[in-house]
């Protein structure tokens, strides 16, 4: 066999090996399968909620068509990502409509209604809750009793920062919604103290007036 013929066969063999072993590598890594559920927040009524996801691997931008599901005691709601994301993955924020206009909030990357969710995404009063991303299979689960509903605190899984699958490490802390651009904030939806005072303190003067009126009538 001539030398040029041998060189051509060697090149073809090398190319075939590259395509079978390494040629498909970029499409496998530039995908979606390392996203993890990191933080969950709700107020008492469920009118304001957010879920933050986290991924530290570059290229994980192809989320279109995948879903984040919320399971509240068997009642499942599904958010389907309407598009891929751009930029470098990090924290990705999904929230209720109007969340970005709240004092201390940041603009969410997606709102729940954009993914086909109507009403609240999950039930704040459920006994058990779990959130699962279909692209990675990652799930964050906890009891409803452990979920803060004071309008200040949220639940964060520190295990979402580690390499997948990660060891769950869920704890309560002041909410810290962060979006893909790296903007971070914190909302305070706790009831105003004055509102509570008006509701409770207003009873005492009324009772005192009634008592004074009775004494005066004797």
N, C-alpha and C. Protein backbone atom coordinates (compact mmCIF):
# COMPACT_ATOMS: atom_id res chain seq x y z
N UNK A 1 0.86 -1.20 0.00
CA UNK A 1 0.00 0.00 0.00
C UNK A 1 0.89 1.23 0.00
N UNK A 2 0.55 2.23 -0.85
CA UNK A 2 1.38 3.42 -0.96
C UNK A 2 1.30 4.26 0.30
N UNK A 3 2.31 5.10 0.51
CA UNK A 3 2.35 5.96 1.69
C UNK A 3 1.20 6.95 1.73
N UNK A 4 0.83 7.62 0.62
CA UNK A 4 -0.33 8.53 0.66
C UNK A 4 -1.60 7.82 1.08
N UNK A 5 -1.75 6.54 0.58
CA UNK A 5 -2.95 5.78 0.92
C UNK A 5 -3.00 5.49 2.42
N UNK A 6 -1.85 5.18 3.00
CA UNK A 6 -1.78 4.90 4.43
C UNK A 6 -2.12 6.15 5.24
N UNK A 7 -1.63 7.32 4.81
CA UNK A 7 -1.91 8.56 5.51
C UNK A 7 -3.39 8.90 5.48
N UNK A 8 -4.03 8.64 4.33
CA UNK A 8 -5.46 8.93 4.22
C UNK A 8 -6.27 8.05 5.15
N UNK A 9 -5.89 6.75 5.21
CA UNK A 9 -6.61 5.84 6.10
C UNK A 9 -6.41 6.21 7.56
N UNK A 10 -5.19 6.64 7.90
CA UNK A 10 -4.90 7.04 9.29
C UNK A 10 -5.71 8.26 9.68
N UNK A 11 -5.82 9.22 8.77
CA UNK A 11 -6.60 10.43 9.04
C UNK A 11 -8.08 10.09 9.23
N UNK A 12 -8.60 9.21 8.32
CA UNK A 12 -10.01 8.85 8.41
C UNK A 12 -10.31 8.12 9.71
N UNK A 13 -9.37 7.24 10.12
CA UNK A 13 -9.56 6.51 11.36
C UNK A 13 -9.53 7.44 12.56
N UNK A 14 -8.59 8.37 12.54
CA UNK A 14 -8.49 9.34 13.63
C UNK A 14 -9.72 10.21 13.74
N UNK A 15 -10.24 10.63 12.59
CA UNK A 15 -11.43 11.47 12.58
C UNK A 15 -12.64 10.71 13.15
N UNK A 16 -12.74 9.44 12.77
CA UNK A 16 -13.86 8.63 13.26
C UNK A 16 -13.79 8.46 14.77
N UNK A 17 -12.59 8.25 15.30
CA UNK A 17 -12.42 8.11 16.75
C UNK A 17 -12.77 9.41 17.46
N UNK A 18 -12.34 10.54 16.90
CA UNK A 18 -12.62 11.85 17.49
C UNK A 18 -14.12 12.10 17.57
N UNK A 19 -14.82 11.79 16.46
CA UNK A 19 -16.25 12.05 16.43
C UNK A 19 -17.00 11.15 17.40
N UNK A 20 -16.52 9.90 17.54
CA UNK A 20 -17.23 8.97 18.42
C UNK A 20 -16.94 9.23 19.89
N UNK A 21 -15.74 9.73 20.20
CA UNK A 21 -15.36 9.94 21.59
C UNK A 21 -15.44 11.39 22.03
N UNK A 22 -14.91 12.29 21.21
CA UNK A 22 -14.82 13.67 21.64
C UNK A 22 -15.68 14.64 20.88
N UNK A 23 -16.10 14.26 19.68
CA UNK A 23 -16.84 15.19 18.84
C UNK A 23 -18.18 15.59 19.39
N UNK A 24 -18.79 14.73 20.19
CA UNK A 24 -20.11 15.06 20.74
C UNK A 24 -20.02 15.68 22.12
N UNK A 25 -18.80 15.85 22.64
CA UNK A 25 -18.63 16.36 24.00
C UNK A 25 -19.24 17.74 24.22
N UNK A 26 -19.01 18.75 23.33
CA UNK A 26 -19.56 20.07 23.56
C UNK A 26 -21.07 20.09 23.71
N UNK A 27 -21.80 19.33 22.87
CA UNK A 27 -23.24 19.35 22.96
C UNK A 27 -23.74 18.68 24.23
N UNK A 28 -22.91 17.79 24.82
CA UNK A 28 -23.32 17.11 26.04
C UNK A 28 -23.14 18.00 27.25
N UNK A 29 -22.10 18.85 27.20
CA UNK A 29 -21.84 19.69 28.37
C UNK A 29 -22.60 21.01 28.29
N UNK A 30 -22.82 21.51 27.08
CA UNK A 30 -23.54 22.77 26.93
C UNK A 30 -25.03 22.46 26.93
N UNK A 31 -25.56 22.19 28.12
CA UNK A 31 -26.93 21.73 28.15
C UNK A 31 -27.72 22.28 29.33
N UNK A 32 -28.14 21.40 30.25
CA UNK A 32 -29.15 21.79 31.22
C UNK A 32 -29.13 20.92 32.47
N UNK A 33 -28.27 19.90 32.54
CA UNK A 33 -28.46 18.84 33.52
C UNK A 33 -27.77 19.06 34.87
N UNK A 34 -27.27 20.28 35.16
CA UNK A 34 -26.66 20.53 36.47
C UNK A 34 -27.44 21.53 37.31
N UNK A 35 -28.58 22.00 36.81
CA UNK A 35 -29.37 22.97 37.57
C UNK A 35 -29.96 22.33 38.82
N UNK A 36 -29.87 23.07 39.94
CA UNK A 36 -30.40 22.58 41.21
C UNK A 36 -31.31 23.64 41.84
N UNK A 37 -32.29 23.18 42.61
CA UNK A 37 -33.20 24.09 43.31
C UNK A 37 -32.51 24.57 44.58
N UNK A 38 -32.42 25.90 44.72
CA UNK A 38 -31.61 26.48 45.80
C UNK A 38 -32.43 27.15 46.90
N UNK A 39 -33.40 28.00 46.54
CA UNK A 39 -34.10 28.81 47.55
C UNK A 39 -35.59 28.90 47.23
N UNK A 40 -36.44 28.83 48.27
CA UNK A 40 -37.89 28.91 48.11
C UNK A 40 -38.43 29.93 49.11
N UNK A 41 -39.30 30.82 48.61
CA UNK A 41 -39.87 31.88 49.45
C UNK A 41 -41.36 32.02 49.17
N UNK A 42 -42.12 32.33 50.21
CA UNK A 42 -43.52 32.68 50.06
C UNK A 42 -43.95 33.57 51.21
N UNK A 43 -44.95 34.40 50.96
CA UNK A 43 -45.60 35.09 52.08
C UNK A 43 -46.76 34.22 52.56
N UNK A 44 -47.47 34.65 53.58
CA UNK A 44 -48.50 33.80 54.20
C UNK A 44 -49.62 33.44 53.24
N UNK A 45 -50.00 34.36 52.38
CA UNK A 45 -51.12 34.11 51.47
C UNK A 45 -50.70 33.39 50.19
N UNK A 46 -49.40 33.40 49.88
CA UNK A 46 -48.93 32.81 48.64
C UNK A 46 -49.01 33.75 47.46
N UNK A 47 -49.37 35.01 47.71
CA UNK A 47 -49.48 35.98 46.62
C UNK A 47 -48.12 36.42 46.10
N UNK A 48 -47.08 36.27 46.94
CA UNK A 48 -45.71 36.57 46.51
C UNK A 48 -44.86 35.33 46.79
N UNK A 49 -44.28 34.78 45.74
CA UNK A 49 -43.44 33.59 45.87
C UNK A 49 -42.28 33.67 44.89
N UNK A 50 -41.18 33.03 45.25
CA UNK A 50 -40.11 32.85 44.27
C UNK A 50 -39.38 31.55 44.54
N UNK A 51 -38.80 31.02 43.47
CA UNK A 51 -37.91 29.86 43.55
C UNK A 51 -36.64 30.23 42.82
N UNK A 52 -35.51 30.06 43.49
CA UNK A 52 -34.23 30.35 42.87
C UNK A 52 -33.50 29.05 42.59
N UNK A 53 -32.95 28.94 41.38
CA UNK A 53 -32.17 27.76 41.00
C UNK A 53 -30.72 28.17 40.83
N UNK A 54 -29.82 27.18 40.86
CA UNK A 54 -28.39 27.49 40.81
C UNK A 54 -27.64 26.47 39.96
N UNK A 55 -26.67 26.97 39.19
CA UNK A 55 -25.81 26.12 38.36
C UNK A 55 -24.49 26.85 38.15
N UNK A 56 -23.40 26.22 38.53
CA UNK A 56 -22.09 26.86 38.42
C UNK A 56 -21.32 26.41 37.19
N UNK A 57 -21.93 25.59 36.34
CA UNK A 57 -21.24 25.05 35.17
C UNK A 57 -21.56 25.87 33.93
N UNK A 58 -20.54 26.32 33.22
CA UNK A 58 -20.74 27.11 32.02
C UNK A 58 -21.42 26.31 30.92
N UNK A 59 -22.22 26.99 30.12
CA UNK A 59 -22.88 26.34 28.99
C UNK A 59 -24.22 25.73 29.31
N UNK A 60 -24.64 25.77 30.56
CA UNK A 60 -25.91 25.15 30.95
C UNK A 60 -27.07 26.12 30.67
N UNK A 61 -27.27 26.42 29.42
CA UNK A 61 -28.24 27.45 29.04
C UNK A 61 -29.47 26.90 28.31
N UNK A 62 -29.46 25.61 28.00
CA UNK A 62 -30.54 25.04 27.18
C UNK A 62 -31.64 24.46 28.05
N UNK A 63 -32.48 25.33 28.59
CA UNK A 63 -33.53 24.90 29.50
C UNK A 63 -34.92 24.90 28.86
N UNK A 64 -35.04 25.41 27.66
CA UNK A 64 -36.34 25.52 27.00
C UNK A 64 -37.02 24.16 26.90
N UNK A 65 -38.28 24.12 27.32
CA UNK A 65 -39.06 22.88 27.24
C UNK A 65 -38.97 22.01 28.47
N UNK A 66 -37.97 22.26 29.32
CA UNK A 66 -37.87 21.51 30.57
C UNK A 66 -38.79 22.15 31.62
N UNK A 67 -38.99 21.45 32.73
CA UNK A 67 -40.01 21.90 33.67
C UNK A 67 -39.50 21.91 35.11
N UNK A 68 -40.02 22.87 35.87
CA UNK A 68 -39.87 22.89 37.31
C UNK A 68 -41.25 22.61 37.89
N UNK A 69 -41.39 21.55 38.67
CA UNK A 69 -42.68 21.21 39.25
C UNK A 69 -42.69 21.48 40.74
N UNK A 70 -43.84 21.91 41.24
CA UNK A 70 -44.06 22.11 42.66
C UNK A 70 -45.14 21.14 43.11
N UNK A 71 -44.80 20.29 44.08
CA UNK A 71 -45.74 19.30 44.59
C UNK A 71 -46.16 19.70 46.00
N UNK A 72 -47.40 20.10 46.16
CA UNK A 72 -47.93 20.50 47.46
C UNK A 72 -48.94 19.46 47.90
N UNK A 73 -48.49 18.50 48.71
CA UNK A 73 -49.38 17.41 49.17
C UNK A 73 -50.06 16.70 48.01
N UNK A 74 -49.32 16.47 46.93
CA UNK A 74 -49.88 15.76 45.78
C UNK A 74 -50.51 16.66 44.74
N UNK A 75 -50.72 17.92 45.05
CA UNK A 75 -51.23 18.88 44.07
C UNK A 75 -50.03 19.44 43.31
N UNK A 76 -49.88 19.05 42.05
CA UNK A 76 -48.69 19.39 41.28
C UNK A 76 -48.97 20.51 40.29
N UNK A 77 -48.12 21.52 40.31
CA UNK A 77 -48.16 22.59 39.31
C UNK A 77 -46.81 22.58 38.57
N UNK A 78 -46.89 22.84 37.27
CA UNK A 78 -45.71 22.73 36.43
C UNK A 78 -45.40 24.04 35.72
N UNK A 79 -44.17 24.49 35.91
CA UNK A 79 -43.66 25.65 35.15
C UNK A 79 -42.78 25.09 34.05
N UNK A 80 -43.13 25.37 32.80
CA UNK A 80 -42.33 24.92 31.66
C UNK A 80 -41.53 26.10 31.13
N UNK A 81 -40.22 25.94 31.07
CA UNK A 81 -39.37 27.05 30.61
C UNK A 81 -39.71 27.40 29.17
N UNK A 82 -40.09 28.65 28.92
CA UNK A 82 -40.53 29.05 27.58
C UNK A 82 -39.38 29.31 26.61
N UNK A 83 -38.16 29.45 27.13
CA UNK A 83 -37.02 29.75 26.26
C UNK A 83 -35.73 29.38 26.96
N UNK A 84 -34.65 29.35 26.18
CA UNK A 84 -33.33 29.15 26.76
C UNK A 84 -32.89 30.44 27.44
N UNK A 85 -31.79 30.37 28.15
CA UNK A 85 -31.25 31.57 28.79
C UNK A 85 -29.95 31.97 28.11
N UNK A 86 -29.54 33.19 28.32
CA UNK A 86 -28.29 33.68 27.75
C UNK A 86 -27.35 34.07 28.88
N UNK A 87 -26.08 34.14 28.56
CA UNK A 87 -25.11 34.53 29.56
C UNK A 87 -24.56 33.33 30.31
N UNK A 88 -23.84 33.62 31.37
CA UNK A 88 -23.21 32.58 32.18
C UNK A 88 -24.16 32.12 33.28
N UNK A 89 -24.38 30.81 33.38
CA UNK A 89 -25.26 30.33 34.46
C UNK A 89 -24.74 30.71 35.83
N UNK A 90 -25.64 30.79 36.75
CA UNK A 90 -25.34 31.11 38.14
C UNK A 90 -26.65 30.92 38.87
N UNK A 91 -27.22 32.00 39.39
CA UNK A 91 -28.55 31.92 39.99
C UNK A 91 -29.60 32.32 38.96
N UNK A 92 -30.70 31.59 38.92
CA UNK A 92 -31.81 31.89 38.02
C UNK A 92 -33.07 32.04 38.86
N UNK A 93 -33.80 33.13 38.67
CA UNK A 93 -34.92 33.47 39.54
C UNK A 93 -36.25 33.35 38.82
N UNK A 94 -37.17 32.57 39.41
CA UNK A 94 -38.54 32.44 38.94
C UNK A 94 -39.44 33.01 40.04
N UNK A 95 -40.39 33.85 39.68
CA UNK A 95 -41.20 34.51 40.72
C UNK A 95 -42.59 34.85 40.21
N UNK A 96 -43.44 35.25 41.14
CA UNK A 96 -44.79 35.68 40.79
C UNK A 96 -44.74 37.00 40.02
N UNK A 97 -45.79 37.27 39.25
CA UNK A 97 -45.86 38.51 38.47
C UNK A 97 -45.80 39.71 39.41
N UNK A 98 -45.07 40.73 39.00
CA UNK A 98 -44.96 41.94 39.79
C UNK A 98 -43.91 41.88 40.87
N UNK A 99 -43.22 40.74 40.99
CA UNK A 99 -42.22 40.61 42.05
C UNK A 99 -41.13 41.66 41.92
N UNK A 100 -40.69 41.92 40.70
CA UNK A 100 -39.59 42.85 40.49
C UNK A 100 -39.88 44.27 40.90
N UNK A 101 -41.15 44.64 41.06
CA UNK A 101 -41.51 46.01 41.44
C UNK A 101 -41.60 46.18 42.96
N UNK A 102 -41.44 45.11 43.73
CA UNK A 102 -41.51 45.21 45.18
C UNK A 102 -40.25 45.87 45.72
N UNK A 103 -40.34 46.64 46.81
CA UNK A 103 -39.15 47.24 47.41
C UNK A 103 -38.15 46.16 47.82
N UNK A 104 -36.91 46.32 47.40
CA UNK A 104 -35.86 45.38 47.76
C UNK A 104 -35.75 44.18 46.83
N UNK A 105 -36.68 44.03 45.90
CA UNK A 105 -36.66 42.87 45.00
C UNK A 105 -35.76 43.12 43.79
N UNK A 106 -35.52 42.08 43.02
CA UNK A 106 -34.79 42.19 41.76
C UNK A 106 -35.68 41.61 40.66
N UNK A 107 -35.37 41.94 39.42
CA UNK A 107 -36.17 41.47 38.30
C UNK A 107 -35.99 39.97 38.10
N UNK A 108 -37.07 39.19 38.13
CA UNK A 108 -36.92 37.74 37.91
C UNK A 108 -36.58 37.44 36.46
N UNK A 109 -35.92 36.32 36.24
CA UNK A 109 -35.60 35.90 34.88
C UNK A 109 -36.84 35.35 34.18
N UNK A 110 -37.72 34.76 34.95
CA UNK A 110 -39.01 34.29 34.44
C UNK A 110 -40.07 34.53 35.52
N UNK A 111 -41.30 34.79 35.08
CA UNK A 111 -42.42 34.80 36.01
C UNK A 111 -43.19 33.50 35.81
N UNK A 112 -43.85 33.03 36.85
CA UNK A 112 -44.51 31.73 36.79
C UNK A 112 -45.55 31.67 35.67
N UNK A 113 -46.25 32.78 35.44
CA UNK A 113 -47.27 32.77 34.40
C UNK A 113 -46.68 32.58 33.01
N UNK A 114 -45.41 32.95 32.82
CA UNK A 114 -44.76 32.74 31.52
C UNK A 114 -44.57 31.26 31.22
N UNK A 115 -44.58 30.45 32.27
CA UNK A 115 -44.42 29.01 32.09
C UNK A 115 -45.70 28.24 32.24
N UNK A 116 -46.84 28.95 32.17
CA UNK A 116 -48.12 28.28 32.17
C UNK A 116 -48.74 28.06 33.54
N UNK A 117 -48.24 28.75 34.57
CA UNK A 117 -48.79 28.60 35.92
C UNK A 117 -49.79 29.72 36.19
N UNK A 118 -50.97 29.35 36.67
CA UNK A 118 -51.96 30.34 37.08
C UNK A 118 -52.11 30.29 38.59
N UNK A 119 -52.32 31.44 39.20
CA UNK A 119 -52.44 31.49 40.65
C UNK A 119 -51.10 31.26 41.33
N UNK A 120 -51.15 30.76 42.55
CA UNK A 120 -49.92 30.50 43.30
C UNK A 120 -49.21 29.28 42.72
N UNK A 121 -47.89 29.26 42.80
CA UNK A 121 -47.12 28.13 42.28
C UNK A 121 -47.18 26.95 43.25
N UNK A 122 -47.22 27.24 44.56
CA UNK A 122 -47.33 26.16 45.53
C UNK A 122 -48.14 26.63 46.73
N UNK A 123 -48.66 25.67 47.48
CA UNK A 123 -49.52 25.97 48.62
C UNK A 123 -48.68 26.19 49.87
N UNK A 124 -48.67 27.42 50.43
CA UNK A 124 -47.85 27.69 51.62
C UNK A 124 -48.27 26.87 52.83
N UNK A 125 -49.50 26.38 52.83
CA UNK A 125 -50.03 25.66 53.99
C UNK A 125 -50.01 24.14 53.81
N UNK A 126 -49.33 23.66 52.78
CA UNK A 126 -49.24 22.22 52.56
C UNK A 126 -48.42 21.57 53.68
N UNK A 127 -48.68 20.29 53.93
CA UNK A 127 -47.93 19.55 54.94
C UNK A 127 -46.54 19.20 54.45
N UNK A 128 -46.44 18.82 53.17
CA UNK A 128 -45.15 18.48 52.57
C UNK A 128 -45.05 19.12 51.19
N UNK A 129 -43.86 19.63 50.88
CA UNK A 129 -43.63 20.26 49.58
C UNK A 129 -42.34 19.74 48.96
N UNK A 130 -42.32 19.65 47.64
CA UNK A 130 -41.10 19.29 46.93
C UNK A 130 -41.07 20.01 45.59
N UNK A 131 -39.87 20.35 45.16
CA UNK A 131 -39.65 21.07 43.90
C UNK A 131 -38.62 20.30 43.09
N UNK A 132 -38.96 19.98 41.84
CA UNK A 132 -38.10 19.14 41.02
C UNK A 132 -37.88 19.76 39.65
N UNK A 133 -36.62 19.77 39.19
CA UNK A 133 -36.30 20.23 37.84
C UNK A 133 -36.10 19.01 36.97
N UNK A 134 -36.87 18.92 35.88
CA UNK A 134 -36.83 17.72 35.04
C UNK A 134 -35.51 17.54 34.30
N UNK A 135 -34.80 18.64 34.05
CA UNK A 135 -33.54 18.53 33.31
C UNK A 135 -32.44 17.82 34.06
N UNK A 136 -32.43 17.96 35.37
CA UNK A 136 -31.38 17.34 36.18
C UNK A 136 -31.92 16.27 37.12
N UNK A 137 -33.21 16.32 37.41
CA UNK A 137 -33.79 15.41 38.38
C UNK A 137 -33.59 15.86 39.81
N UNK A 138 -32.98 17.04 39.99
CA UNK A 138 -32.74 17.53 41.35
C UNK A 138 -34.06 17.90 42.02
N UNK A 139 -34.17 17.54 43.30
CA UNK A 139 -35.38 17.82 44.07
C UNK A 139 -35.03 18.44 45.41
N UNK A 140 -35.75 19.49 45.79
CA UNK A 140 -35.65 20.09 47.12
C UNK A 140 -36.96 19.81 47.83
N UNK A 141 -36.91 19.06 48.94
CA UNK A 141 -38.11 18.68 49.67
C UNK A 141 -38.03 19.11 51.13
N UNK A 142 -39.17 19.50 51.69
CA UNK A 142 -39.22 19.90 53.09
C UNK A 142 -40.67 19.88 53.57
N UNK A 143 -40.85 19.98 54.86
CA UNK A 143 -42.20 20.01 55.43
C UNK A 143 -42.74 21.43 55.41
N UNK A 144 -44.06 21.54 55.35
CA UNK A 144 -44.68 22.85 55.37
C UNK A 144 -44.42 23.57 56.68
N UNK A 145 -44.26 22.81 57.77
CA UNK A 145 -44.01 23.42 59.08
C UNK A 145 -42.66 24.14 59.11
N UNK A 146 -41.72 23.70 58.29
CA UNK A 146 -40.39 24.33 58.28
C UNK A 146 -40.30 25.52 57.34
N UNK A 147 -41.34 25.73 56.52
CA UNK A 147 -41.32 26.83 55.55
C UNK A 147 -41.74 28.13 56.20
N UNK A 148 -40.86 29.14 56.25
CA UNK A 148 -41.23 30.44 56.84
C UNK A 148 -42.30 31.12 55.99
N UNK A 149 -43.23 31.78 56.67
CA UNK A 149 -44.28 32.52 55.96
C UNK A 149 -44.43 33.92 56.56
N UNK A 150 -43.34 34.42 57.17
CA UNK A 150 -43.40 35.72 57.82
C UNK A 150 -43.13 36.87 56.87
N UNK A 151 -42.87 36.57 55.60
CA UNK A 151 -42.59 37.62 54.62
C UNK A 151 -41.16 38.10 54.62
N UNK A 152 -40.31 37.48 55.44
CA UNK A 152 -38.90 37.89 55.55
C UNK A 152 -37.96 36.74 55.24
N UNK A 153 -38.24 35.58 55.82
CA UNK A 153 -37.33 34.45 55.70
C UNK A 153 -37.73 33.49 54.58
N UNK A 154 -36.76 32.72 54.13
CA UNK A 154 -36.96 31.71 53.11
C UNK A 154 -36.21 30.45 53.52
N UNK A 155 -36.35 29.39 52.73
CA UNK A 155 -35.56 28.18 52.94
C UNK A 155 -34.52 28.09 51.83
N UNK A 156 -33.26 27.83 52.22
CA UNK A 156 -32.17 27.72 51.25
C UNK A 156 -31.47 26.38 51.43
N UNK A 157 -31.19 25.72 50.32
CA UNK A 157 -30.46 24.46 50.34
C UNK A 157 -29.01 24.74 49.99
N UNK A 158 -28.14 24.74 51.01
CA UNK A 158 -26.72 24.99 50.78
C UNK A 158 -26.09 23.89 49.96
N UNK A 159 -26.73 22.73 49.90
CA UNK A 159 -26.22 21.63 49.08
C UNK A 159 -26.27 21.94 47.60
N UNK A 160 -27.06 22.94 47.21
CA UNK A 160 -27.15 23.32 45.79
C UNK A 160 -25.86 23.95 45.30
N UNK A 161 -24.99 24.37 46.21
CA UNK A 161 -23.74 24.99 45.80
C UNK A 161 -22.69 23.94 45.46
N UNK A 162 -22.87 22.72 45.95
CA UNK A 162 -21.89 21.68 45.73
C UNK A 162 -22.10 20.97 44.41
N UNK A 163 -21.15 20.10 44.03
CA UNK A 163 -21.32 19.34 42.79
C UNK A 163 -22.55 18.46 42.89
N UNK A 164 -23.33 18.36 41.81
CA UNK A 164 -24.51 17.50 41.82
C UNK A 164 -24.11 16.06 42.10
N UNK A 165 -24.96 15.23 42.74
CA UNK A 165 -26.31 15.60 43.12
C UNK A 165 -26.39 16.50 44.35
N UNK A 166 -25.30 16.62 45.11
CA UNK A 166 -25.32 17.50 46.28
C UNK A 166 -26.03 16.86 47.45
N UNK A 167 -25.56 17.16 48.64
CA UNK A 167 -26.20 16.66 49.86
C UNK A 167 -27.13 17.73 50.40
N UNK A 168 -28.41 17.43 50.57
CA UNK A 168 -29.36 18.45 51.07
C UNK A 168 -28.90 19.05 52.39
N UNK A 169 -28.93 20.36 52.45
CA UNK A 169 -28.55 21.10 53.67
C UNK A 169 -29.45 22.32 53.75
N UNK A 170 -30.70 22.10 54.16
CA UNK A 170 -31.73 23.14 54.11
C UNK A 170 -31.84 23.87 55.44
N UNK A 171 -31.85 25.19 55.35
CA UNK A 171 -31.98 26.01 56.56
C UNK A 171 -32.73 27.28 56.24
N UNK A 172 -33.22 27.94 57.30
CA UNK A 172 -33.98 29.18 57.14
C UNK A 172 -33.06 30.38 57.31
N UNK A 173 -33.32 31.42 56.53
CA UNK A 173 -32.55 32.66 56.62
C UNK A 173 -33.29 33.77 55.91
N UNK A 174 -32.79 34.98 56.01
CA UNK A 174 -33.41 36.11 55.33
C UNK A 174 -33.36 35.88 53.82
N UNK A 175 -34.47 36.08 53.15
CA UNK A 175 -34.54 35.82 51.72
C UNK A 175 -33.53 36.65 50.94
N UNK A 176 -32.99 36.06 49.87
CA UNK A 176 -31.96 36.74 49.08
C UNK A 176 -32.10 36.39 47.60
N UNK A 177 -33.20 36.80 46.96
CA UNK A 177 -33.41 36.47 45.55
C UNK A 177 -32.30 37.04 44.67
N UNK A 178 -31.76 36.19 43.79
CA UNK A 178 -30.67 36.58 42.90
C UNK A 178 -31.00 36.10 41.49
N UNK A 179 -30.78 36.96 40.50
CA UNK A 179 -31.09 36.58 39.12
C UNK A 179 -29.83 36.30 38.31
N UNK A 180 -30.03 35.98 37.03
CA UNK A 180 -28.91 35.59 36.17
C UNK A 180 -27.88 36.69 35.98
N UNK A 181 -28.29 37.93 36.08
CA UNK A 181 -27.34 39.03 35.92
C UNK A 181 -26.48 39.23 37.16
N UNK A 182 -26.80 38.50 38.23
CA UNK A 182 -26.03 38.62 39.47
C UNK A 182 -26.60 39.64 40.44
N UNK A 183 -27.72 40.26 40.07
CA UNK A 183 -28.36 41.22 40.98
C UNK A 183 -29.05 40.47 42.11
N UNK A 184 -28.85 40.95 43.34
CA UNK A 184 -29.43 40.28 44.51
C UNK A 184 -30.15 41.31 45.37
N UNK A 185 -31.19 40.88 46.06
CA UNK A 185 -31.94 41.78 46.93
C UNK A 185 -32.56 41.03 48.09
N UNK A 186 -33.54 41.65 48.72
CA UNK A 186 -34.26 41.02 49.82
C UNK A 186 -35.56 41.79 50.03
N UNK A 187 -36.67 41.07 50.08
CA UNK A 187 -37.96 41.73 50.28
C UNK A 187 -38.40 41.59 51.74
N UNK A 188 -39.18 42.54 52.19
CA UNK A 188 -39.73 42.50 53.54
C UNK A 188 -41.24 42.69 53.43
N UNK A 189 -41.96 41.60 53.58
CA UNK A 189 -43.42 41.63 53.46
C UNK A 189 -44.09 41.33 54.78
N UNK A 190 -43.37 41.56 55.88
CA UNK A 190 -43.94 41.35 57.20
C UNK A 190 -45.06 42.35 57.45
N UNK A 191 -46.13 41.96 58.16
CA UNK A 191 -47.22 42.89 58.46
C UNK A 191 -46.71 44.10 59.22
N UNK A 192 -47.24 45.27 58.89
CA UNK A 192 -46.85 46.49 59.59
C UNK A 192 -47.27 46.42 61.05
N UNK A 193 -46.40 46.76 62.00
CA UNK A 193 -46.76 46.75 63.42
C UNK A 193 -47.97 47.64 63.73
N UNK A 194 -48.09 48.75 63.00
CA UNK A 194 -49.20 49.67 63.25
C UNK A 194 -50.53 49.01 62.93
N UNK A 195 -50.53 48.13 61.91
CA UNK A 195 -51.76 47.44 61.54
C UNK A 195 -52.23 46.54 62.67
N UNK A 196 -51.28 45.83 63.27
CA UNK A 196 -51.60 44.95 64.39
C UNK A 196 -52.08 45.77 65.58
N UNK A 197 -51.43 46.91 65.83
CA UNK A 197 -51.78 47.75 66.97
C UNK A 197 -53.19 48.31 66.82
N UNK A 198 -53.53 48.76 65.61
CA UNK A 198 -54.85 49.30 65.39
C UNK A 198 -55.92 48.23 65.64
N UNK A 199 -55.59 47.00 65.27
CA UNK A 199 -56.56 45.93 65.41
C UNK A 199 -56.76 45.54 66.87
N UNK A 200 -55.67 45.56 67.66
CA UNK A 200 -55.74 45.12 69.04
C UNK A 200 -55.90 46.26 70.03
N UNK A 201 -55.07 47.31 69.84
CA UNK A 201 -55.10 48.41 70.79
C UNK A 201 -56.41 49.20 70.72
N UNK A 202 -57.06 49.17 69.58
CA UNK A 202 -58.30 49.91 69.44
C UNK A 202 -59.42 49.36 70.31
N UNK A 203 -59.29 48.12 70.78
CA UNK A 203 -60.32 47.52 71.63
C UNK A 203 -60.35 48.16 73.00
N UNK A 204 -59.15 48.47 73.54
CA UNK A 204 -59.06 48.97 74.92
C UNK A 204 -59.78 50.30 75.12
N UNK A 205 -59.56 51.33 74.28
CA UNK A 205 -60.29 52.59 74.48
C UNK A 205 -61.80 52.42 74.39
N UNK A 206 -62.25 51.55 73.47
CA UNK A 206 -63.69 51.32 73.33
C UNK A 206 -64.26 50.69 74.59
N UNK A 207 -63.53 49.68 75.15
CA UNK A 207 -63.99 49.02 76.37
C UNK A 207 -63.99 50.00 77.54
N UNK A 208 -62.99 50.90 77.57
CA UNK A 208 -62.90 51.88 78.66
C UNK A 208 -64.07 52.84 78.59
N UNK A 209 -64.46 53.26 77.38
CA UNK A 209 -65.58 54.17 77.23
C UNK A 209 -66.88 53.52 77.69
N UNK A 210 -67.03 52.23 77.34
CA UNK A 210 -68.23 51.52 77.77
C UNK A 210 -68.29 51.41 79.29
N UNK A 211 -67.11 51.12 79.91
CA UNK A 211 -67.05 50.98 81.37
C UNK A 211 -67.36 52.34 82.04
N UNK A 212 -66.83 53.43 81.50
CA UNK A 212 -67.06 54.76 82.06
C UNK A 212 -68.53 55.12 81.96
N UNK A 213 -69.15 54.77 80.87
CA UNK A 213 -70.56 55.07 80.67
C UNK A 213 -71.42 54.36 81.70
N UNK A 214 -71.07 53.07 82.01
CA UNK A 214 -71.86 52.34 82.99
C UNK A 214 -71.75 52.99 84.38
N UNK A 215 -70.50 53.38 84.75
CA UNK A 215 -70.29 54.00 86.07
C UNK A 215 -71.09 55.30 86.19
N UNK A 216 -71.11 56.07 85.13
CA UNK A 216 -71.78 57.36 85.16
C UNK A 216 -73.29 57.19 85.30
N UNK A 217 -73.83 56.03 84.86
CA UNK A 217 -75.27 55.85 84.88
C UNK A 217 -75.79 55.48 86.26
N UNK A 218 -74.89 55.07 87.19
CA UNK A 218 -75.34 54.71 88.54
C UNK A 218 -75.53 55.96 89.41
